[in-house]
Amino acid sequence: PLPVFGLVNDLPAGLVKAKVGVSWYQMGWQMGHWLAKRHPAGSPPVTVALFPGPQASGGNNFVEPGFADGIEGSAIRLVTTARGDNSREIQRTLVQQTLARHPDLDYLVGGAIAAEVAVNELAQRGLAKPQVLSTYFSHGVQRGLRRGKVLAANSDQMRQQGRLAVAQAVCLLQ
């Protein structure tokens, strides 16, 4: 039988011979902690909407508790968590609904697809707020960072993960 390798998203140990990935809990925690340092307890409260992606898929189950732990004890108030498939259409709809329900939102934190569509939605509406943060990196997030449209993003070191996966595959196939 051919060996199966897990790359980026977590797969159950029984399905794979080897895995390469990051701690999605840490990806959520790092983003929450970064925000918490900007808005510590005692500073004016700020509101955040979280877009972790699909329910019970990949690293999303870990991003949410990591983010919650990262903002604990800060002036940040998580007002909504909008979960949905990582298609552009679904994430756009979630962002639109959230902006309609929470027009004074300070931050929108989500995966790369949510961040990318949020940048577009805000531009179409002529809004400078909420500020957009991404829990992981993509080419679109990189463009947003360079243009000042994405405030911050985690890097999951995609190239390094790819190199490690190829090295694992070579070792296991030899």
N, C-alpha and C. Protein backbone atom coordinates (compact mmCIF):
# COMPACT_ATOMS: atom_id res chain seq x y z
N PRO A 1 0.84 -1.20 0.00
CA PRO A 1 0.00 0.00 0.00
C PRO A 1 0.87 1.26 0.00
N LEU A 2 0.35 2.30 -0.64
CA LEU A 2 1.05 3.57 -0.67
C LEU A 2 0.93 4.28 0.67
N PRO A 3 2.04 4.85 1.14
CA PRO A 3 1.95 5.60 2.40
C PRO A 3 1.22 6.93 2.18
N VAL A 4 0.47 7.37 3.18
CA VAL A 4 -0.25 8.63 3.14
C VAL A 4 0.46 9.60 4.09
N PHE A 5 0.70 10.81 3.61
CA PHE A 5 1.36 11.84 4.40
C PHE A 5 0.38 12.96 4.69
N GLY A 6 0.41 13.47 5.91
CA GLY A 6 -0.41 14.61 6.28
C GLY A 6 0.40 15.88 6.15
N LEU A 7 -0.11 16.86 5.43
CA LEU A 7 0.58 18.13 5.26
C LEU A 7 -0.39 19.28 5.54
N VAL A 8 -0.01 20.18 6.41
CA VAL A 8 -0.73 21.38 6.81
C VAL A 8 -1.90 21.06 7.74
N ASN A 9 -2.99 20.49 7.22
CA ASN A 9 -4.14 20.19 8.07
C ASN A 9 -3.94 18.87 8.80
N ASP A 10 -4.41 18.82 10.03
CA ASP A 10 -4.22 17.64 10.86
C ASP A 10 -5.12 16.50 10.39
N LEU A 11 -4.55 15.32 10.33
CA LEU A 11 -5.29 14.10 9.99
C LEU A 11 -5.11 13.11 11.12
N PRO A 12 -6.09 12.24 11.34
CA PRO A 12 -5.96 11.25 12.41
C PRO A 12 -4.72 10.38 12.22
N ALA A 13 -4.03 10.09 13.31
CA ALA A 13 -2.76 9.36 13.27
C ALA A 13 -2.89 8.01 12.56
N GLY A 14 -3.99 7.32 12.68
CA GLY A 14 -4.16 6.03 12.05
C GLY A 14 -4.21 6.06 10.54
N LEU A 15 -4.46 7.23 9.95
CA LEU A 15 -4.57 7.35 8.50
C LEU A 15 -3.24 7.65 7.82
N VAL A 16 -2.28 8.16 8.55
CA VAL A 16 -1.05 8.66 7.94
C VAL A 16 0.20 7.98 8.49
N LYS A 17 1.21 7.93 7.64
CA LYS A 17 2.53 7.43 8.05
C LYS A 17 3.35 8.52 8.72
N ALA A 18 3.14 9.76 8.28
CA ALA A 18 3.88 10.90 8.81
C ALA A 18 3.07 12.17 8.59
N LYS A 19 3.36 13.20 9.41
CA LYS A 19 2.66 14.48 9.30
C LYS A 19 3.66 15.63 9.39
N VAL A 20 3.32 16.71 8.73
CA VAL A 20 4.04 17.97 8.86
C VAL A 20 2.98 19.04 9.03
N GLY A 21 3.14 19.88 10.04
CA GLY A 21 2.17 20.94 10.26
C GLY A 21 2.58 21.82 11.41
N VAL A 22 1.74 22.78 11.69
CA VAL A 22 1.97 23.70 12.80
C VAL A 22 0.91 23.42 13.87
N SER A 23 1.12 23.99 15.02
CA SER A 23 0.11 23.91 16.08
C SER A 23 -0.94 24.98 15.80
N TRP A 24 -2.13 24.54 15.41
CA TRP A 24 -3.20 25.50 15.13
C TRP A 24 -3.68 26.19 16.40
N TYR A 25 -3.56 25.53 17.53
CA TYR A 25 -3.84 26.19 18.80
C TYR A 25 -2.92 27.40 18.94
N GLN A 26 -1.62 27.19 18.69
CA GLN A 26 -0.65 28.28 18.79
C GLN A 26 -0.92 29.39 17.78
N MET A 27 -1.39 29.02 16.58
CA MET A 27 -1.70 30.03 15.59
C MET A 27 -2.82 30.94 16.11
N GLY A 28 -3.84 30.36 16.72
CA GLY A 28 -4.91 31.15 17.32
C GLY A 28 -4.43 31.94 18.51
N TRP A 29 -3.63 31.28 19.37
CA TRP A 29 -3.13 31.94 20.58
C TRP A 29 -2.24 33.12 20.22
N GLN A 30 -1.34 32.93 19.26
CA GLN A 30 -0.43 34.01 18.87
C GLN A 30 -1.19 35.26 18.42
N MET A 31 -2.23 35.05 17.61
CA MET A 31 -3.01 36.19 17.12
C MET A 31 -3.76 36.85 18.28
N GLY A 32 -4.37 36.05 19.15
CA GLY A 32 -5.06 36.61 20.30
C GLY A 32 -4.12 37.33 21.25
N HIS A 33 -2.97 36.74 21.51
CA HIS A 33 -1.98 37.34 22.40
C HIS A 33 -1.46 38.66 21.84
N TRP A 34 -1.22 38.69 20.53
CA TRP A 34 -0.76 39.92 19.88
C TRP A 34 -1.79 41.03 20.08
N LEU A 35 -3.06 40.70 19.89
CA LEU A 35 -4.12 41.70 20.09
C LEU A 35 -4.22 42.10 21.56
N ALA A 36 -4.09 41.12 22.45
CA ALA A 36 -4.20 41.39 23.89
C ALA A 36 -3.09 42.34 24.35
N LYS A 37 -1.92 42.24 23.77
CA LYS A 37 -0.84 43.16 24.12
C LYS A 37 -1.16 44.58 23.64
N ARG A 38 -1.88 44.71 22.53
CA ARG A 38 -2.31 46.03 22.03
C ARG A 38 -3.42 46.62 22.88
N HIS A 39 -4.23 45.74 23.50
CA HIS A 39 -5.41 46.17 24.27
C HIS A 39 -5.45 45.43 25.61
N PRO A 40 -4.53 45.77 26.51
CA PRO A 40 -4.49 45.07 27.80
C PRO A 40 -5.68 45.44 28.69
N ALA A 41 -5.88 44.65 29.72
CA ALA A 41 -6.93 44.94 30.70
C ALA A 41 -6.76 46.37 31.19
N GLY A 42 -7.88 47.06 31.33
CA GLY A 42 -7.85 48.44 31.80
C GLY A 42 -7.85 49.47 30.68
N SER A 43 -7.52 49.05 29.47
CA SER A 43 -7.58 49.97 28.32
C SER A 43 -9.01 49.95 27.78
N PRO A 44 -9.35 50.90 26.92
CA PRO A 44 -10.72 50.92 26.38
C PRO A 44 -11.07 49.59 25.70
N PRO A 45 -12.26 49.09 25.90
CA PRO A 45 -12.65 47.81 25.30
C PRO A 45 -12.73 47.89 23.78
N VAL A 46 -12.39 46.78 23.14
CA VAL A 46 -12.50 46.66 21.69
C VAL A 46 -13.26 45.38 21.37
N THR A 47 -13.89 45.37 20.19
CA THR A 47 -14.69 44.22 19.79
C THR A 47 -14.04 43.49 18.62
N VAL A 48 -14.23 42.17 18.64
CA VAL A 48 -13.62 41.30 17.63
C VAL A 48 -14.66 40.29 17.16
N ALA A 49 -14.61 40.01 15.85
CA ALA A 49 -15.36 38.89 15.27
C ALA A 49 -14.32 37.89 14.79
N LEU A 50 -14.58 36.61 15.07
CA LEU A 50 -13.65 35.54 14.70
C LEU A 50 -14.28 34.68 13.61
N PHE A 51 -13.49 34.41 12.57
CA PHE A 51 -13.91 33.58 11.43
C PHE A 51 -12.92 32.42 11.31
N PRO A 52 -13.13 31.35 12.09
CA PRO A 52 -12.13 30.27 12.13
C PRO A 52 -12.20 29.28 10.98
N GLY A 53 -13.25 29.34 10.16
CA GLY A 53 -13.41 28.37 9.08
C GLY A 53 -14.50 27.37 9.43
N PRO A 54 -14.47 26.20 8.79
CA PRO A 54 -15.54 25.22 9.00
C PRO A 54 -15.51 24.61 10.40
N GLN A 55 -16.68 24.27 10.87
CA GLN A 55 -16.82 23.58 12.16
C GLN A 55 -16.18 22.20 12.05
N ALA A 56 -15.38 21.83 13.02
CA ALA A 56 -14.81 20.48 13.13
C ALA A 56 -14.01 20.05 11.92
N SER A 57 -13.14 20.95 11.43
CA SER A 57 -12.34 20.60 10.25
C SER A 57 -10.94 21.15 10.39
N GLY A 58 -9.96 20.34 10.03
CA GLY A 58 -8.57 20.79 10.03
C GLY A 58 -8.16 21.34 11.37
N GLY A 59 -7.52 22.50 11.38
CA GLY A 59 -7.04 23.09 12.62
C GLY A 59 -8.04 24.00 13.29
N ASN A 60 -9.22 24.16 12.70
CA ASN A 60 -10.19 25.13 13.21
C ASN A 60 -10.63 24.85 14.63
N ASN A 61 -10.72 23.59 15.00
CA ASN A 61 -11.12 23.26 16.38
C ASN A 61 -10.08 23.74 17.39
N PHE A 62 -8.86 23.99 16.93
CA PHE A 62 -7.79 24.41 17.83
C PHE A 62 -7.57 25.92 17.78
N VAL A 63 -7.87 26.56 16.65
CA VAL A 63 -7.68 28.00 16.53
C VAL A 63 -8.58 28.73 17.52
N GLU A 64 -9.84 28.32 17.62
CA GLU A 64 -10.79 29.01 18.51
C GLU A 64 -10.34 29.01 19.97
N PRO A 65 -10.05 27.84 20.58
CA PRO A 65 -9.61 27.89 21.98
C PRO A 65 -8.27 28.60 22.15
N GLY A 66 -7.39 28.50 21.16
CA GLY A 66 -6.12 29.21 21.24
C GLY A 66 -6.34 30.71 21.26
N PHE A 67 -7.22 31.20 20.38
CA PHE A 67 -7.52 32.63 20.33
C PHE A 67 -8.17 33.07 21.65
N ALA A 68 -9.12 32.29 22.13
CA ALA A 68 -9.81 32.63 23.39
C ALA A 68 -8.81 32.71 24.55
N ASP A 69 -7.88 31.78 24.61
CA ASP A 69 -6.87 31.82 25.67
C ASP A 69 -5.94 33.01 25.48
N GLY A 70 -5.64 33.36 24.23
CA GLY A 70 -4.75 34.49 23.95
C GLY A 70 -5.31 35.83 24.36
N ILE A 71 -6.63 36.00 24.29
CA ILE A 71 -7.24 37.30 24.65
C ILE A 71 -7.73 37.35 26.09
N GLU A 72 -7.63 36.24 26.80
CA GLU A 72 -8.13 36.17 28.18
C GLU A 72 -7.47 37.25 29.04
N GLY A 73 -8.29 37.95 29.81
CA GLY A 73 -7.79 38.97 30.72
C GLY A 73 -7.46 40.30 30.05
N SER A 74 -7.80 40.45 28.77
CA SER A 74 -7.51 41.70 28.05
C SER A 74 -8.78 42.53 27.93
N ALA A 75 -8.67 43.64 27.21
CA ALA A 75 -9.83 44.51 26.97
C ALA A 75 -10.60 44.09 25.72
N ILE A 76 -10.28 42.92 25.20
CA ILE A 76 -10.92 42.45 23.96
C ILE A 76 -12.18 41.67 24.28
N ARG A 77 -13.24 42.02 23.54
CA ARG A 77 -14.52 41.31 23.69
C ARG A 77 -14.84 40.63 22.37
N LEU A 78 -14.88 39.30 22.40
CA LEU A 78 -15.25 38.52 21.22
C LEU A 78 -16.78 38.57 21.11
N VAL A 79 -17.29 39.28 20.09
CA VAL A 79 -18.73 39.49 19.98
C VAL A 79 -19.42 38.41 19.15
N THR A 80 -18.68 37.76 18.25
CA THR A 80 -19.28 36.70 17.44
C THR A 80 -18.20 35.81 16.86
N THR A 81 -18.56 34.56 16.65
CA THR A 81 -17.72 33.60 15.94
C THR A 81 -18.55 33.06 14.79
N ALA A 82 -18.08 33.28 13.58
CA ALA A 82 -18.82 32.88 12.38
C ALA A 82 -18.07 31.74 11.70
N ARG A 83 -18.65 30.54 11.78
CA ARG A 83 -18.01 29.37 11.20
C ARG A 83 -18.66 29.03 9.87
N GLY A 84 -17.84 28.58 8.93
CA GLY A 84 -18.36 28.16 7.64
C GLY A 84 -17.24 27.65 6.76
N ASP A 85 -17.62 26.96 5.72
CA ASP A 85 -16.67 26.40 4.77
C ASP A 85 -15.73 27.49 4.25
N ASN A 86 -14.53 27.08 3.87
CA ASN A 86 -13.53 28.03 3.40
C ASN A 86 -13.67 28.40 1.92
N SER A 87 -14.89 28.40 1.42
CA SER A 87 -15.09 28.91 0.06
C SER A 87 -15.21 30.43 0.15
N ARG A 88 -14.80 31.11 -0.90
CA ARG A 88 -14.88 32.57 -0.91
C ARG A 88 -16.32 33.04 -0.73
N GLU A 89 -17.27 32.35 -1.37
CA GLU A 89 -18.67 32.77 -1.30
C GLU A 89 -19.21 32.68 0.13
N ILE A 90 -18.93 31.57 0.78
CA ILE A 90 -19.45 31.39 2.15
C ILE A 90 -18.78 32.37 3.10
N GLN A 91 -17.47 32.53 3.00
CA GLN A 91 -16.77 33.46 3.88
C GLN A 91 -17.23 34.90 3.62
N ARG A 92 -17.47 35.26 2.36
CA ARG A 92 -17.97 36.61 2.03
C ARG A 92 -19.34 36.84 2.68
N THR A 93 -20.21 35.85 2.57
CA THR A 93 -21.54 35.97 3.19
C THR A 93 -21.42 36.14 4.70
N LEU A 94 -20.56 35.36 5.34
CA LEU A 94 -20.36 35.48 6.79
C LEU A 94 -19.83 36.87 7.16
N VAL A 95 -18.89 37.37 6.38
CA VAL A 95 -18.34 38.71 6.64
C VAL A 95 -19.43 39.76 6.45
N GLN A 96 -20.20 39.67 5.37
CA GLN A 96 -21.27 40.64 5.12
C GLN A 96 -22.29 40.63 6.26
N GLN A 97 -22.70 39.44 6.68
CA GLN A 97 -23.67 39.34 7.77
C GLN A 97 -23.12 39.93 9.06
N THR A 98 -21.86 39.67 9.33
CA THR A 98 -21.24 40.17 10.55
C THR A 98 -21.12 41.69 10.52
N LEU A 99 -20.72 42.24 9.39
CA LEU A 99 -20.62 43.71 9.28
C LEU A 99 -21.98 44.36 9.44
N ALA A 100 -23.04 43.72 8.94
CA ALA A 100 -24.39 44.27 9.09
C ALA A 100 -24.84 44.23 10.56
N ARG A 101 -24.52 43.14 11.25
CA ARG A 101 -24.94 42.98 12.66
C ARG A 101 -24.09 43.78 13.63
N HIS A 102 -22.83 43.99 13.27
CA HIS A 102 -21.87 44.66 14.17
C HIS A 102 -21.15 45.78 13.42
N PRO A 103 -21.83 46.87 13.13
CA PRO A 103 -21.22 47.94 12.30
C PRO A 103 -20.06 48.66 12.99
N ASP A 104 -19.94 48.56 14.31
CA ASP A 104 -18.87 49.25 15.03
C ASP A 104 -17.72 48.32 15.42
N LEU A 105 -17.62 47.20 14.77
CA LEU A 105 -16.61 46.20 15.06
C LEU A 105 -15.20 46.80 14.90
N ASP A 106 -14.31 46.47 15.82
CA ASP A 106 -12.93 46.98 15.75
C ASP A 106 -12.00 46.07 14.95
N TYR A 107 -12.16 44.76 15.10
CA TYR A 107 -11.28 43.81 14.43
C TYR A 107 -12.06 42.65 13.86
N LEU A 108 -11.58 42.17 12.74
CA LEU A 108 -12.08 40.96 12.12
C LEU A 108 -10.87 40.02 12.02
N VAL A 109 -10.94 38.88 12.71
CA VAL A 109 -9.84 37.91 12.73
C VAL A 109 -10.33 36.63 12.09
N GLY A 110 -9.62 36.17 11.08
CA GLY A 110 -10.05 34.94 10.42
C GLY A 110 -8.92 34.28 9.68
N GLY A 111 -9.25 33.16 9.07
CA GLY A 111 -8.31 32.49 8.20
C GLY A 111 -8.05 33.35 6.98
N ALA A 112 -7.13 32.91 6.15
CA ALA A 112 -6.71 33.71 5.00
C ALA A 112 -7.87 34.06 4.07
N ILE A 113 -8.76 33.12 3.81
CA ILE A 113 -9.86 33.39 2.89
C ILE A 113 -10.81 34.43 3.47
N ALA A 114 -11.12 34.30 4.75
CA ALA A 114 -11.97 35.30 5.41
C ALA A 114 -11.31 36.67 5.37
N ALA A 115 -10.00 36.72 5.63
CA ALA A 115 -9.29 37.99 5.63
C ALA A 115 -9.30 38.62 4.23
N GLU A 116 -9.06 37.79 3.21
CA GLU A 116 -9.04 38.30 1.84
C GLU A 116 -10.40 38.88 1.43
N VAL A 117 -11.48 38.16 1.72
CA VAL A 117 -12.79 38.68 1.32
C VAL A 117 -13.18 39.89 2.17
N ALA A 118 -12.73 39.93 3.42
CA ALA A 118 -13.02 41.08 4.28
C ALA A 118 -12.36 42.33 3.73
N VAL A 119 -11.12 42.21 3.26
CA VAL A 119 -10.43 43.36 2.67
C VAL A 119 -11.25 43.90 1.49
N ASN A 120 -11.73 43.00 0.64
CA ASN A 120 -12.54 43.42 -0.51
C ASN A 120 -13.86 44.05 -0.08
N GLU A 121 -14.53 43.45 0.89
CA GLU A 121 -15.81 44.00 1.37
C GLU A 121 -15.63 45.40 1.95
N LEU A 122 -14.59 45.57 2.76
CA LEU A 122 -14.34 46.87 3.37
C LEU A 122 -14.02 47.93 2.31
N ALA A 123 -13.25 47.54 1.30
CA ALA A 123 -12.90 48.47 0.21
C ALA A 123 -14.16 48.87 -0.56
N GLN A 124 -15.03 47.90 -0.86
CA GLN A 124 -16.26 48.21 -1.60
C GLN A 124 -17.17 49.14 -0.82
N ARG A 125 -17.12 49.03 0.50
CA ARG A 125 -17.98 49.87 1.34
C ARG A 125 -17.30 51.18 1.74
N GLY A 126 -16.02 51.33 1.39
CA GLY A 126 -15.27 52.54 1.75
C GLY A 126 -14.99 52.63 3.24
N LEU A 127 -14.85 51.49 3.89
CA LEU A 127 -14.63 51.47 5.34
C LEU A 127 -13.16 51.22 5.68
N ALA A 128 -12.68 51.90 6.70
CA ALA A 128 -11.33 51.66 7.21
C ALA A 128 -11.37 50.74 8.42
N LYS A 129 -12.56 50.47 8.91
CA LYS A 129 -12.74 49.67 10.11
C LYS A 129 -13.80 48.62 9.84
N PRO A 130 -13.70 47.43 10.33
CA PRO A 130 -12.72 46.91 11.28
C PRO A 130 -11.38 46.61 10.61
N GLN A 131 -10.35 46.54 11.45
CA GLN A 131 -9.05 46.13 10.95
C GLN A 131 -9.04 44.61 10.79
N VAL A 132 -8.32 44.13 9.80
CA VAL A 132 -8.33 42.71 9.42
C VAL A 132 -7.03 42.04 9.85
N LEU A 133 -7.17 40.86 10.46
CA LEU A 133 -6.02 40.04 10.84
C LEU A 133 -6.27 38.62 10.35
N SER A 134 -5.20 37.93 9.98
CA SER A 134 -5.33 36.56 9.48
C SER A 134 -4.56 35.58 10.36
N THR A 135 -5.19 34.47 10.66
CA THR A 135 -4.55 33.46 11.51
C THR A 135 -3.54 32.62 10.74
N TYR A 136 -3.54 32.71 9.40
CA TYR A 136 -2.50 32.06 8.61
C TYR A 136 -2.27 32.84 7.33
N PHE A 137 -1.25 32.46 6.60
CA PHE A 137 -0.72 33.24 5.49
C PHE A 137 -1.18 32.72 4.14
N SER A 138 -1.32 33.61 3.18
CA SER A 138 -1.60 33.27 1.79
C SER A 138 -1.04 34.40 0.94
N HIS A 139 -1.05 34.22 -0.38
CA HIS A 139 -0.59 35.29 -1.27
C HIS A 139 -1.48 36.52 -1.14
N GLY A 140 -2.80 36.30 -1.02
CA GLY A 140 -3.71 37.42 -0.85
C GLY A 140 -3.49 38.16 0.45
N VAL A 141 -3.19 37.43 1.52
CA VAL A 141 -2.89 38.06 2.81
C VAL A 141 -1.59 38.86 2.69
N GLN A 142 -0.61 38.30 2.00
CA GLN A 142 0.65 39.02 1.81
C GLN A 142 0.42 40.34 1.07
N ARG A 143 -0.40 40.33 0.01
CA ARG A 143 -0.74 41.56 -0.70
C ARG A 143 -1.43 42.55 0.25
N GLY A 144 -2.35 42.04 1.06
CA GLY A 144 -3.04 42.90 2.02
C GLY A 144 -2.10 43.52 3.03
N LEU A 145 -1.12 42.75 3.50
CA LEU A 145 -0.13 43.28 4.44
C LEU A 145 0.69 44.39 3.78
N ARG A 146 1.14 44.14 2.56
CA ARG A 146 1.97 45.12 1.84
C ARG A 146 1.20 46.41 1.55
N ARG A 147 -0.10 46.30 1.33
CA ARG A 147 -0.92 47.47 1.01
C ARG A 147 -1.52 48.13 2.25
N GLY A 148 -1.24 47.57 3.42
CA GLY A 148 -1.77 48.13 4.66
C GLY A 148 -3.23 47.80 4.88
N LYS A 149 -3.76 46.81 4.18
CA LYS A 149 -5.16 46.42 4.32
C LYS A 149 -5.35 45.29 5.32
N VAL A 150 -4.29 44.53 5.59
CA VAL A 150 -4.28 43.49 6.63
C VAL A 150 -3.29 43.95 7.68
N LEU A 151 -3.73 44.03 8.92
CA LEU A 151 -2.90 44.57 9.99
C LEU A 151 -1.82 43.59 10.42
N ALA A 152 -2.16 42.30 10.51
CA ALA A 152 -1.20 41.30 10.98
C ALA A 152 -1.64 39.92 10.51
N ALA A 153 -0.67 39.02 10.42
CA ALA A 153 -0.95 37.64 10.03
C ALA A 153 0.13 36.73 10.58
N ASN A 154 -0.27 35.53 10.92
CA ASN A 154 0.68 34.48 11.28
C ASN A 154 1.23 33.86 10.01
N SER A 155 2.46 33.40 10.07
CA SER A 155 3.00 32.60 8.96
C SER A 155 3.14 31.17 9.45
N ASP A 156 2.60 30.25 8.67
CA ASP A 156 2.75 28.83 9.03
C ASP A 156 3.91 28.19 8.26
N GLN A 157 4.77 29.04 7.70
CA GLN A 157 6.00 28.59 7.04
C GLN A 157 5.72 27.52 5.99
N MET A 158 4.87 27.85 5.03
CA MET A 158 4.41 26.88 4.02
C MET A 158 5.56 26.23 3.26
N ARG A 159 6.54 27.01 2.84
CA ARG A 159 7.67 26.42 2.10
C ARG A 159 8.42 25.41 2.94
N GLN A 160 8.67 25.76 4.18
CA GLN A 160 9.38 24.84 5.07
C GLN A 160 8.57 23.57 5.31
N GLN A 161 7.25 23.71 5.46
CA GLN A 161 6.41 22.53 5.61
C GLN A 161 6.51 21.63 4.37
N GLY A 162 6.51 22.23 3.19
CA GLY A 162 6.64 21.46 1.95
C GLY A 162 7.96 20.72 1.88
N ARG A 163 9.04 21.41 2.23
CA ARG A 163 10.37 20.77 2.23
C ARG A 163 10.42 19.60 3.20
N LEU A 164 9.87 19.80 4.39
CA LEU A 164 9.86 18.72 5.38
C LEU A 164 9.03 17.53 4.91
N ALA A 165 7.90 17.81 4.26
CA ALA A 165 7.05 16.73 3.76
C ALA A 165 7.76 15.92 2.68
N VAL A 166 8.46 16.60 1.78
CA VAL A 166 9.19 15.89 0.73
C VAL A 166 10.30 15.04 1.36
N ALA A 167 11.01 15.60 2.33
CA ALA A 167 12.07 14.84 3.01
C ALA A 167 11.49 13.61 3.70
N GLN A 168 10.33 13.76 4.35
CA GLN A 168 9.68 12.60 5.00
C GLN A 168 9.31 11.55 3.97
N ALA A 169 8.75 11.98 2.86
CA ALA A 169 8.32 11.04 1.82
C ALA A 169 9.52 10.26 1.28
N VAL A 170 10.61 10.96 1.03
CA VAL A 170 11.82 10.29 0.53
C VAL A 170 12.32 9.26 1.54
N CYS A 171 12.37 9.63 2.80
CA CYS A 171 12.83 8.70 3.85
C CYS A 171 11.93 7.47 3.95
N LEU A 172 10.63 7.68 3.91
CA LEU A 172 9.70 6.57 4.07
C LEU A 172 9.65 5.66 2.84
N LEU A 173 9.91 6.21 1.67
CA LEU A 173 9.87 5.41 0.45
C LEU A 173 11.19 4.68 0.19
N GLN A 174 12.25 5.07 0.86
CA GLN A 174 13.54 4.40 0.62
C GLN A 174 13.62 3.05 1.28
